[in-house]
Amino acid sequence: MSDMTLAPELSVSEWFNTPQPLSIAGLRGQVIFLHSFQLLCPGCVAESLPQVRRIERIFANTDLQVIGLHTVFEHHEAMTPTVLKAFIHEYRLTSPIGVDQADGQSDIPMTMRHYGFRGTPSSVLIGRDGAILHHAFGVEDDIAVGARIGMALAAPLPATMPADKIDGCADGACVAPADAA
């Protein structure tokens, strides 16, 4: 597709809930729901994070990868990784969460700038081919978000998938490598 906008890579200084750092390129072939939040953002705590937990529950048996991005653009001294770690524990957040990296040149962290987030909460749905399918500021209706995710999950794997990502595709179904289980 010629109007496809590929998702920028994540700039993360620290990860939680994952044994290794995640990357957009490394997740190619999966659908990604990237949600940006701040632990002191009332809309994030009251609406966005509960919605993310519903998304995780509803799409648990799919290859949707939910990634949280703690995007601090205000109250920097109050929202440290140590405070975030306690927040993650208290709110029982289980998906991988990265700390959006500051570069010292701006109060706006790098991934937030690369994606053009206007604030928090924000979310981006990334297709199997790495293209941005939807970009939102604020909390959208659960039905709309679920429909978009469902359509993205129903899309076929891109024809340019690396050979080690799939064993083969036929009749609209793809088989994961045997050693991936």
N, C-alpha and C. Protein backbone atom coordinates (compact mmCIF):
# COMPACT_ATOMS: atom_id res chain seq x y z
N MET A 1 0.83 -1.18 0.00
CA MET A 1 0.00 0.00 0.00
C MET A 1 0.87 1.24 0.00
N SER A 2 0.59 2.18 -0.86
CA SER A 2 1.47 3.32 -1.03
C SER A 2 1.29 4.39 0.04
N ASP A 3 0.11 4.48 0.67
CA ASP A 3 -0.10 5.48 1.70
C ASP A 3 0.17 4.95 3.11
N MET A 4 0.84 3.82 3.21
CA MET A 4 1.14 3.18 4.47
C MET A 4 2.18 3.99 5.25
N THR A 5 1.86 4.27 6.51
CA THR A 5 2.81 4.93 7.41
C THR A 5 3.31 3.88 8.39
N LEU A 6 4.58 3.57 8.31
CA LEU A 6 5.14 2.59 9.23
C LEU A 6 5.29 3.20 10.62
N ALA A 7 5.03 2.40 11.62
CA ALA A 7 5.15 2.85 13.01
C ALA A 7 6.61 3.10 13.34
N PRO A 8 6.91 4.24 13.95
CA PRO A 8 8.29 4.50 14.37
C PRO A 8 8.70 3.50 15.46
N GLU A 9 9.98 3.29 15.58
CA GLU A 9 10.50 2.41 16.62
C GLU A 9 10.31 3.07 17.98
N LEU A 10 10.22 2.27 19.01
CA LEU A 10 10.07 2.77 20.38
C LEU A 10 11.41 3.24 20.91
N SER A 11 11.40 4.33 21.67
CA SER A 11 12.59 4.81 22.37
C SER A 11 12.29 4.67 23.86
N VAL A 12 12.79 3.60 24.46
CA VAL A 12 12.45 3.25 25.84
C VAL A 12 13.72 3.16 26.66
N SER A 13 13.68 3.79 27.85
CA SER A 13 14.85 3.76 28.73
C SER A 13 14.82 2.60 29.71
N GLU A 14 13.64 2.07 30.00
CA GLU A 14 13.52 0.96 30.94
C GLU A 14 12.23 0.21 30.67
N TRP A 15 12.26 -1.12 30.85
CA TRP A 15 11.10 -1.97 30.61
C TRP A 15 10.65 -2.63 31.90
N PHE A 16 9.34 -2.86 32.01
CA PHE A 16 8.74 -3.62 33.10
C PHE A 16 7.86 -4.70 32.49
N ASN A 17 7.68 -5.80 33.20
CA ASN A 17 6.81 -6.91 32.80
C ASN A 17 7.25 -7.62 31.52
N THR A 18 8.50 -7.58 31.22
CA THR A 18 9.02 -8.32 30.08
C THR A 18 10.48 -8.68 30.36
N PRO A 19 10.90 -9.90 30.03
CA PRO A 19 12.29 -10.29 30.29
C PRO A 19 13.28 -9.63 29.34
N GLN A 20 12.79 -9.12 28.21
CA GLN A 20 13.69 -8.48 27.25
C GLN A 20 12.98 -7.30 26.61
N PRO A 21 13.73 -6.32 26.14
CA PRO A 21 13.12 -5.16 25.47
C PRO A 21 12.32 -5.59 24.24
N LEU A 22 11.26 -4.87 23.97
CA LEU A 22 10.43 -5.12 22.79
C LEU A 22 10.73 -4.07 21.73
N SER A 23 10.50 -4.44 20.49
CA SER A 23 10.65 -3.48 19.40
C SER A 23 9.53 -3.69 18.41
N ILE A 24 9.19 -2.64 17.70
CA ILE A 24 8.16 -2.74 16.67
C ILE A 24 8.62 -3.72 15.59
N ALA A 25 9.88 -3.61 15.18
CA ALA A 25 10.41 -4.51 14.15
C ALA A 25 10.39 -5.96 14.61
N GLY A 26 10.72 -6.21 15.87
CA GLY A 26 10.74 -7.56 16.40
C GLY A 26 9.36 -8.19 16.53
N LEU A 27 8.33 -7.36 16.53
CA LEU A 27 6.96 -7.85 16.66
C LEU A 27 6.23 -7.90 15.32
N ARG A 28 6.96 -7.64 14.24
CA ARG A 28 6.35 -7.68 12.91
C ARG A 28 5.67 -9.02 12.72
N GLY A 29 4.46 -9.00 12.20
CA GLY A 29 3.66 -10.21 12.05
C GLY A 29 2.56 -10.29 13.10
N GLN A 30 2.70 -9.54 14.17
CA GLN A 30 1.68 -9.47 15.21
C GLN A 30 0.99 -8.11 15.13
N VAL A 31 -0.22 -8.05 15.65
CA VAL A 31 -0.92 -6.79 15.80
C VAL A 31 -0.49 -6.21 17.15
N ILE A 32 -0.24 -4.90 17.17
CA ILE A 32 0.23 -4.23 18.39
C ILE A 32 -0.76 -3.15 18.78
N PHE A 33 -1.15 -3.14 20.04
CA PHE A 33 -1.94 -2.05 20.61
C PHE A 33 -1.01 -1.33 21.58
N LEU A 34 -0.53 -0.17 21.17
CA LEU A 34 0.39 0.64 21.97
C LEU A 34 -0.43 1.73 22.66
N HIS A 35 -0.39 1.75 23.98
CA HIS A 35 -1.13 2.78 24.70
C HIS A 35 -0.17 3.59 25.57
N SER A 36 -0.33 4.89 25.50
CA SER A 36 0.51 5.82 26.21
C SER A 36 -0.26 6.38 27.40
N PHE A 37 0.39 6.40 28.56
CA PHE A 37 -0.28 6.87 29.77
C PHE A 37 0.73 7.53 30.71
N GLN A 38 0.20 8.25 31.70
CA GLN A 38 0.99 8.77 32.82
C GLN A 38 0.29 8.32 34.09
N LEU A 39 1.04 7.95 35.11
CA LEU A 39 0.41 7.46 36.32
C LEU A 39 -0.34 8.56 37.08
N LEU A 40 -0.06 9.83 36.82
CA LEU A 40 -0.80 10.93 37.44
C LEU A 40 -1.87 11.53 36.53
N CYS A 41 -2.20 10.84 35.46
CA CYS A 41 -3.23 11.31 34.53
C CYS A 41 -4.57 10.71 34.96
N PRO A 42 -5.52 11.56 35.41
CA PRO A 42 -6.81 11.02 35.87
C PRO A 42 -7.55 10.20 34.81
N GLY A 43 -7.55 10.65 33.55
CA GLY A 43 -8.23 9.90 32.48
C GLY A 43 -7.58 8.56 32.23
N CYS A 44 -6.26 8.50 32.40
CA CYS A 44 -5.55 7.23 32.21
C CYS A 44 -5.96 6.23 33.29
N VAL A 45 -5.92 6.69 34.55
CA VAL A 45 -6.21 5.80 35.68
C VAL A 45 -7.68 5.38 35.69
N ALA A 46 -8.59 6.33 35.44
CA ALA A 46 -10.01 6.04 35.55
C ALA A 46 -10.59 5.33 34.33
N GLU A 47 -10.07 5.62 33.13
CA GLU A 47 -10.69 5.08 31.93
C GLU A 47 -9.77 4.26 31.03
N SER A 48 -8.61 4.78 30.71
CA SER A 48 -7.73 4.13 29.74
C SER A 48 -7.17 2.81 30.24
N LEU A 49 -6.58 2.80 31.43
CA LEU A 49 -5.98 1.56 31.93
C LEU A 49 -7.03 0.46 32.17
N PRO A 50 -8.22 0.78 32.70
CA PRO A 50 -9.25 -0.27 32.78
C PRO A 50 -9.64 -0.80 31.40
N GLN A 51 -9.68 0.08 30.39
CA GLN A 51 -9.99 -0.37 29.03
C GLN A 51 -8.89 -1.31 28.53
N VAL A 52 -7.64 -0.99 28.80
CA VAL A 52 -6.53 -1.84 28.37
C VAL A 52 -6.65 -3.21 29.03
N ARG A 53 -7.02 -3.25 30.29
CA ARG A 53 -7.19 -4.55 30.96
C ARG A 53 -8.32 -5.35 30.30
N ARG A 54 -9.39 -4.68 29.87
CA ARG A 54 -10.47 -5.38 29.15
C ARG A 54 -9.96 -5.91 27.82
N ILE A 55 -9.18 -5.11 27.11
CA ILE A 55 -8.60 -5.54 25.83
C ILE A 55 -7.72 -6.77 26.05
N GLU A 56 -6.89 -6.74 27.07
CA GLU A 56 -6.02 -7.88 27.37
C GLU A 56 -6.85 -9.14 27.64
N ARG A 57 -7.92 -9.00 28.39
CA ARG A 57 -8.76 -10.16 28.73
C ARG A 57 -9.49 -10.69 27.49
N ILE A 58 -10.09 -9.80 26.72
CA ILE A 58 -10.88 -10.23 25.57
C ILE A 58 -10.02 -10.84 24.46
N PHE A 59 -8.83 -10.29 24.26
CA PHE A 59 -7.97 -10.76 23.17
C PHE A 59 -6.80 -11.62 23.68
N ALA A 60 -6.97 -12.22 24.85
CA ALA A 60 -5.90 -13.01 25.47
C ALA A 60 -5.45 -14.19 24.62
N ASN A 61 -6.35 -14.79 23.87
CA ASN A 61 -6.02 -15.99 23.10
C ASN A 61 -5.72 -15.67 21.64
N THR A 62 -5.22 -14.47 21.40
CA THR A 62 -4.84 -14.06 20.05
C THR A 62 -3.37 -13.66 20.06
N ASP A 63 -2.88 -13.21 18.92
CA ASP A 63 -1.49 -12.75 18.89
C ASP A 63 -1.39 -11.22 19.02
N LEU A 64 -2.41 -10.60 19.61
CA LEU A 64 -2.33 -9.17 19.90
C LEU A 64 -1.27 -8.93 20.97
N GLN A 65 -0.37 -8.00 20.72
CA GLN A 65 0.63 -7.61 21.72
C GLN A 65 0.25 -6.23 22.24
N VAL A 66 -0.12 -6.17 23.50
CA VAL A 66 -0.42 -4.90 24.16
C VAL A 66 0.87 -4.39 24.79
N ILE A 67 1.18 -3.13 24.52
CA ILE A 67 2.37 -2.50 25.09
C ILE A 67 1.96 -1.17 25.71
N GLY A 68 2.34 -0.98 26.96
CA GLY A 68 2.14 0.29 27.64
C GLY A 68 3.38 1.15 27.48
N LEU A 69 3.17 2.43 27.39
CA LEU A 69 4.27 3.38 27.28
C LEU A 69 4.02 4.48 28.29
N HIS A 70 4.85 4.51 29.35
CA HIS A 70 4.72 5.56 30.35
C HIS A 70 5.41 6.80 29.79
N THR A 71 4.57 7.75 29.36
CA THR A 71 5.02 8.93 28.64
C THR A 71 4.90 10.15 29.54
N VAL A 72 5.99 10.54 30.16
CA VAL A 72 5.98 11.64 31.12
C VAL A 72 6.38 12.94 30.42
N PHE A 73 5.44 13.89 30.39
CA PHE A 73 5.74 15.19 29.80
C PHE A 73 5.47 16.32 30.78
N GLU A 74 5.13 15.97 32.02
CA GLU A 74 4.93 16.94 33.09
C GLU A 74 5.18 16.24 34.42
N HIS A 75 5.45 17.00 35.46
CA HIS A 75 5.70 16.44 36.80
C HIS A 75 6.77 15.35 36.76
N HIS A 76 7.84 15.60 36.03
CA HIS A 76 8.90 14.60 35.84
C HIS A 76 9.45 14.07 37.16
N GLU A 77 9.66 14.95 38.13
CA GLU A 77 10.26 14.53 39.38
C GLU A 77 9.35 13.61 40.20
N ALA A 78 8.05 13.65 39.95
CA ALA A 78 7.10 12.81 40.70
C ALA A 78 6.86 11.45 40.05
N MET A 79 7.19 11.30 38.77
CA MET A 79 6.85 10.07 38.06
C MET A 79 8.10 9.32 37.62
N THR A 80 8.85 8.89 38.59
CA THR A 80 10.10 8.17 38.34
C THR A 80 9.82 6.69 38.06
N PRO A 81 10.79 5.98 37.50
CA PRO A 81 10.60 4.53 37.31
C PRO A 81 10.31 3.78 38.61
N THR A 82 10.85 4.24 39.74
CA THR A 82 10.57 3.59 41.02
C THR A 82 9.10 3.73 41.39
N VAL A 83 8.55 4.92 41.20
CA VAL A 83 7.13 5.14 41.46
C VAL A 83 6.28 4.34 40.47
N LEU A 84 6.70 4.31 39.21
CA LEU A 84 5.98 3.54 38.19
C LEU A 84 5.95 2.07 38.55
N LYS A 85 7.06 1.53 39.04
CA LYS A 85 7.11 0.12 39.42
C LYS A 85 6.06 -0.20 40.50
N ALA A 86 5.93 0.68 41.49
CA ALA A 86 4.92 0.49 42.53
C ALA A 86 3.51 0.61 41.94
N PHE A 87 3.31 1.55 41.04
CA PHE A 87 2.03 1.76 40.38
C PHE A 87 1.63 0.51 39.59
N ILE A 88 2.56 -0.05 38.84
CA ILE A 88 2.30 -1.26 38.05
C ILE A 88 1.87 -2.40 38.98
N HIS A 89 2.55 -2.53 40.11
CA HIS A 89 2.21 -3.57 41.07
C HIS A 89 0.81 -3.34 41.67
N GLU A 90 0.56 -2.13 42.13
CA GLU A 90 -0.71 -1.81 42.79
C GLU A 90 -1.91 -1.94 41.85
N TYR A 91 -1.73 -1.55 40.61
CA TYR A 91 -2.83 -1.62 39.64
C TYR A 91 -2.86 -2.94 38.88
N ARG A 92 -1.95 -3.83 39.23
CA ARG A 92 -1.89 -5.18 38.64
C ARG A 92 -1.84 -5.14 37.12
N LEU A 93 -0.96 -4.28 36.60
CA LEU A 93 -0.78 -4.19 35.15
C LEU A 93 0.19 -5.30 34.74
N THR A 94 -0.17 -6.07 33.72
CA THR A 94 0.63 -7.25 33.38
C THR A 94 1.31 -7.17 32.02
N SER A 95 0.85 -6.31 31.13
CA SER A 95 1.49 -6.24 29.82
C SER A 95 2.83 -5.50 29.93
N PRO A 96 3.69 -5.70 28.96
CA PRO A 96 4.97 -4.99 28.96
C PRO A 96 4.74 -3.48 28.96
N ILE A 97 5.53 -2.78 29.79
CA ILE A 97 5.43 -1.33 29.89
C ILE A 97 6.83 -0.75 29.78
N GLY A 98 6.99 0.18 28.85
CA GLY A 98 8.27 0.86 28.68
C GLY A 98 8.18 2.29 29.17
N VAL A 99 9.29 2.81 29.64
CA VAL A 99 9.38 4.22 30.03
C VAL A 99 9.88 4.98 28.82
N ASP A 100 9.03 5.88 28.32
CA ASP A 100 9.38 6.68 27.14
C ASP A 100 10.64 7.49 27.47
N GLN A 101 11.61 7.40 26.60
CA GLN A 101 12.94 7.96 26.86
C GLN A 101 12.99 9.47 26.65
N ALA A 102 13.56 10.14 27.65
CA ALA A 102 13.83 11.57 27.52
C ALA A 102 15.17 11.73 26.83
N ASP A 103 15.33 12.84 26.12
CA ASP A 103 16.62 13.07 25.46
C ASP A 103 17.33 14.32 25.98
N GLY A 104 16.75 14.98 26.98
CA GLY A 104 17.38 16.16 27.55
C GLY A 104 17.19 17.43 26.73
N GLN A 105 16.64 17.31 25.54
CA GLN A 105 16.43 18.47 24.67
C GLN A 105 15.02 19.03 24.79
N SER A 106 14.10 18.23 25.33
CA SER A 106 12.71 18.63 25.37
C SER A 106 12.04 17.97 26.57
N ASP A 107 10.98 18.58 27.09
CA ASP A 107 10.19 17.94 28.14
C ASP A 107 9.34 16.81 27.57
N ILE A 108 9.18 16.79 26.26
CA ILE A 108 8.39 15.76 25.59
C ILE A 108 9.31 14.58 25.25
N PRO A 109 9.00 13.38 25.77
CA PRO A 109 9.87 12.24 25.49
C PRO A 109 9.85 11.83 24.02
N MET A 110 10.84 11.04 23.65
CA MET A 110 11.12 10.73 22.25
C MET A 110 10.00 10.00 21.52
N THR A 111 9.48 8.91 22.11
CA THR A 111 8.44 8.16 21.40
C THR A 111 7.18 9.00 21.25
N MET A 112 6.87 9.78 22.27
CA MET A 112 5.71 10.67 22.18
C MET A 112 5.86 11.63 21.00
N ARG A 113 7.04 12.17 20.81
CA ARG A 113 7.29 13.07 19.68
C ARG A 113 7.23 12.32 18.36
N HIS A 114 7.86 11.13 18.30
CA HIS A 114 7.90 10.36 17.04
C HIS A 114 6.50 9.96 16.58
N TYR A 115 5.60 9.65 17.52
CA TYR A 115 4.24 9.25 17.17
C TYR A 115 3.29 10.44 17.07
N GLY A 116 3.72 11.61 17.50
CA GLY A 116 2.87 12.78 17.45
C GLY A 116 1.74 12.76 18.46
N PHE A 117 1.96 12.10 19.61
CA PHE A 117 0.93 12.08 20.65
C PHE A 117 0.71 13.51 21.16
N ARG A 118 -0.55 13.88 21.34
CA ARG A 118 -0.89 15.22 21.84
C ARG A 118 -0.96 15.24 23.35
N GLY A 119 -1.02 14.10 23.99
CA GLY A 119 -1.13 13.98 25.44
C GLY A 119 -1.44 12.56 25.80
N THR A 120 -1.89 12.39 27.04
CA THR A 120 -2.26 11.06 27.51
C THR A 120 -3.70 11.11 28.00
N PRO A 121 -4.42 10.01 27.82
CA PRO A 121 -4.01 8.77 27.15
C PRO A 121 -4.06 8.91 25.63
N SER A 122 -3.18 8.19 24.99
CA SER A 122 -3.15 8.07 23.53
C SER A 122 -2.95 6.60 23.21
N SER A 123 -3.37 6.22 22.00
CA SER A 123 -3.15 4.83 21.59
C SER A 123 -2.92 4.77 20.09
N VAL A 124 -2.22 3.72 19.71
CA VAL A 124 -1.94 3.46 18.30
C VAL A 124 -2.15 1.97 18.06
N LEU A 125 -2.87 1.65 17.00
CA LEU A 125 -3.04 0.26 16.58
C LEU A 125 -2.13 0.05 15.38
N ILE A 126 -1.24 -0.94 15.49
CA ILE A 126 -0.24 -1.22 14.46
C ILE A 126 -0.54 -2.58 13.86
N GLY A 127 -0.63 -2.62 12.55
CA GLY A 127 -0.95 -3.86 11.86
C GLY A 127 0.22 -4.82 11.78
N ARG A 128 -0.06 -6.00 11.30
CA ARG A 128 0.95 -7.05 11.18
C ARG A 128 2.14 -6.64 10.31
N ASP A 129 1.90 -5.72 9.38
CA ASP A 129 2.96 -5.27 8.48
C ASP A 129 3.73 -4.07 9.03
N GLY A 130 3.42 -3.66 10.27
CA GLY A 130 4.12 -2.54 10.88
C GLY A 130 3.52 -1.18 10.57
N ALA A 131 2.40 -1.17 9.84
CA ALA A 131 1.75 0.09 9.47
C ALA A 131 0.82 0.56 10.59
N ILE A 132 0.76 1.87 10.76
CA ILE A 132 -0.18 2.46 11.71
C ILE A 132 -1.58 2.36 11.10
N LEU A 133 -2.47 1.67 11.81
CA LEU A 133 -3.84 1.49 11.35
C LEU A 133 -4.78 2.54 11.94
N HIS A 134 -4.48 2.94 13.17
CA HIS A 134 -5.33 3.92 13.85
C HIS A 134 -4.53 4.61 14.94
N HIS A 135 -4.79 5.89 15.11
CA HIS A 135 -4.10 6.74 16.08
C HIS A 135 -5.17 7.51 16.83
N ALA A 136 -5.17 7.49 18.16
CA ALA A 136 -6.23 8.16 18.91
C ALA A 136 -5.67 8.91 20.11
N PHE A 137 -6.28 10.02 20.42
CA PHE A 137 -6.00 10.78 21.63
C PHE A 137 -7.25 10.73 22.48
N GLY A 138 -7.11 10.32 23.72
CA GLY A 138 -8.25 10.13 24.60
C GLY A 138 -8.71 8.69 24.57
N VAL A 139 -9.80 8.44 25.26
CA VAL A 139 -10.34 7.08 25.34
C VAL A 139 -11.49 6.96 24.36
N GLU A 140 -11.41 5.97 23.49
CA GLU A 140 -12.46 5.71 22.52
C GLU A 140 -13.40 4.65 23.08
N ASP A 141 -14.55 4.54 22.48
CA ASP A 141 -15.54 3.57 22.88
C ASP A 141 -14.99 2.14 22.74
N ASP A 142 -15.27 1.31 23.74
CA ASP A 142 -14.78 -0.08 23.72
C ASP A 142 -15.16 -0.83 22.45
N ILE A 143 -16.38 -0.62 21.97
CA ILE A 143 -16.83 -1.35 20.78
C ILE A 143 -16.00 -0.95 19.57
N ALA A 144 -15.73 0.33 19.41
CA ALA A 144 -14.92 0.80 18.28
C ALA A 144 -13.50 0.25 18.35
N VAL A 145 -12.90 0.29 19.54
CA VAL A 145 -11.54 -0.22 19.70
C VAL A 145 -11.51 -1.72 19.43
N GLY A 146 -12.46 -2.44 20.00
CA GLY A 146 -12.52 -3.89 19.80
C GLY A 146 -12.72 -4.26 18.34
N ALA A 147 -13.56 -3.51 17.63
CA ALA A 147 -13.79 -3.78 16.21
C ALA A 147 -12.51 -3.56 15.41
N ARG A 148 -11.80 -2.48 15.69
CA ARG A 148 -10.54 -2.21 14.97
C ARG A 148 -9.51 -3.31 15.24
N ILE A 149 -9.40 -3.70 16.50
CA ILE A 149 -8.44 -4.76 16.85
C ILE A 149 -8.85 -6.07 16.16
N GLY A 150 -10.13 -6.41 16.19
CA GLY A 150 -10.60 -7.63 15.54
C GLY A 150 -10.31 -7.64 14.05
N MET A 151 -10.53 -6.50 13.39
CA MET A 151 -10.24 -6.42 11.95
C MET A 151 -8.74 -6.56 11.69
N ALA A 152 -7.93 -5.97 12.54
CA ALA A 152 -6.47 -6.08 12.36
C ALA A 152 -6.01 -7.52 12.57
N LEU A 153 -6.59 -8.20 13.55
CA LEU A 153 -6.22 -9.59 13.80
C LEU A 153 -6.66 -10.51 12.68
N ALA A 154 -7.74 -10.16 11.99
CA ALA A 154 -8.24 -10.97 10.89
C ALA A 154 -7.43 -10.79 9.61
N ALA A 155 -6.63 -9.74 9.56
CA ALA A 155 -5.82 -9.48 8.36
C ALA A 155 -4.76 -10.56 8.21
N PRO A 156 -4.44 -10.91 6.98
CA PRO A 156 -3.42 -11.95 6.76
C PRO A 156 -2.03 -11.45 7.13
N LEU A 157 -1.16 -12.39 7.38
CA LEU A 157 0.24 -12.05 7.62
C LEU A 157 0.81 -11.43 6.35
N PRO A 158 1.69 -10.45 6.49
CA PRO A 158 2.28 -9.86 5.29
C PRO A 158 3.10 -10.88 4.50
N ALA A 159 3.11 -10.72 3.21
CA ALA A 159 3.84 -11.64 2.34
C ALA A 159 5.34 -11.57 2.56
N THR A 160 5.82 -10.51 3.17
CA THR A 160 7.26 -10.34 3.38
C THR A 160 7.72 -10.77 4.76
N MET A 161 6.94 -11.63 5.43
CA MET A 161 7.34 -12.10 6.75
C MET A 161 8.63 -12.88 6.67
N PRO A 162 9.52 -12.69 7.66
CA PRO A 162 10.74 -13.50 7.70
C PRO A 162 10.40 -14.98 7.81
N ALA A 163 11.20 -15.81 7.19
CA ALA A 163 10.94 -17.25 7.14
C ALA A 163 10.86 -17.87 8.52
N ASP A 164 11.60 -17.34 9.51
CA ASP A 164 11.59 -17.94 10.84
C ASP A 164 10.34 -17.58 11.63
N LYS A 165 9.49 -16.69 11.11
CA LYS A 165 8.27 -16.30 11.82
C LYS A 165 7.11 -17.25 11.54
N ILE A 166 7.12 -17.94 10.39
CA ILE A 166 6.01 -18.82 10.04
C ILE A 166 6.53 -20.11 9.42
N ASP A 167 5.79 -21.18 9.63
CA ASP A 167 6.11 -22.44 8.97
C ASP A 167 5.47 -22.48 7.60
N GLY A 168 4.32 -21.88 7.46
CA GLY A 168 3.66 -21.87 6.17
C GLY A 168 2.25 -21.38 6.26
N CYS A 169 1.77 -20.86 5.17
CA CYS A 169 0.40 -20.35 5.10
C CYS A 169 -0.30 -21.04 3.93
N ALA A 170 -1.51 -21.46 4.17
CA ALA A 170 -2.32 -22.04 3.11
C ALA A 170 -3.78 -21.93 3.52
N ASP A 171 -4.63 -21.74 2.56
CA ASP A 171 -6.06 -21.66 2.79
C ASP A 171 -6.43 -20.64 3.87
N GLY A 172 -5.72 -19.51 3.89
CA GLY A 172 -6.04 -18.42 4.80
C GLY A 172 -5.59 -18.62 6.23
N ALA A 173 -4.81 -19.66 6.50
CA ALA A 173 -4.31 -19.90 7.86
C ALA A 173 -2.80 -20.02 7.83
N CYS A 174 -2.16 -19.52 8.87
CA CYS A 174 -0.71 -19.61 8.98
C CYS A 174 -0.35 -20.41 10.21
N VAL A 175 0.70 -21.18 10.10
CA VAL A 175 1.14 -22.04 11.20
C VAL A 175 2.42 -21.45 11.75
N ALA A 176 2.45 -21.27 13.09
CA ALA A 176 3.66 -20.76 13.74
C ALA A 176 4.71 -21.85 13.78
N PRO A 177 5.98 -21.45 13.88
CA PRO A 177 7.05 -22.45 13.98
C PRO A 177 6.80 -23.38 15.17
N ALA A 178 7.14 -24.63 15.03
CA ALA A 178 6.92 -25.62 16.08
C ALA A 178 7.66 -25.27 17.36
N ASP A 179 8.82 -24.63 17.26
CA ASP A 179 9.60 -24.32 18.46
C ASP A 179 9.11 -23.05 19.15
N ALA A 180 8.07 -22.38 18.63
CA ALA A 180 7.55 -21.16 19.24
C ALA A 180 6.63 -21.48 20.42
N ALA A 181 6.17 -22.70 20.51
CA ALA A 181 5.22 -23.05 21.58
C ALA A 181 5.89 -23.25 22.90
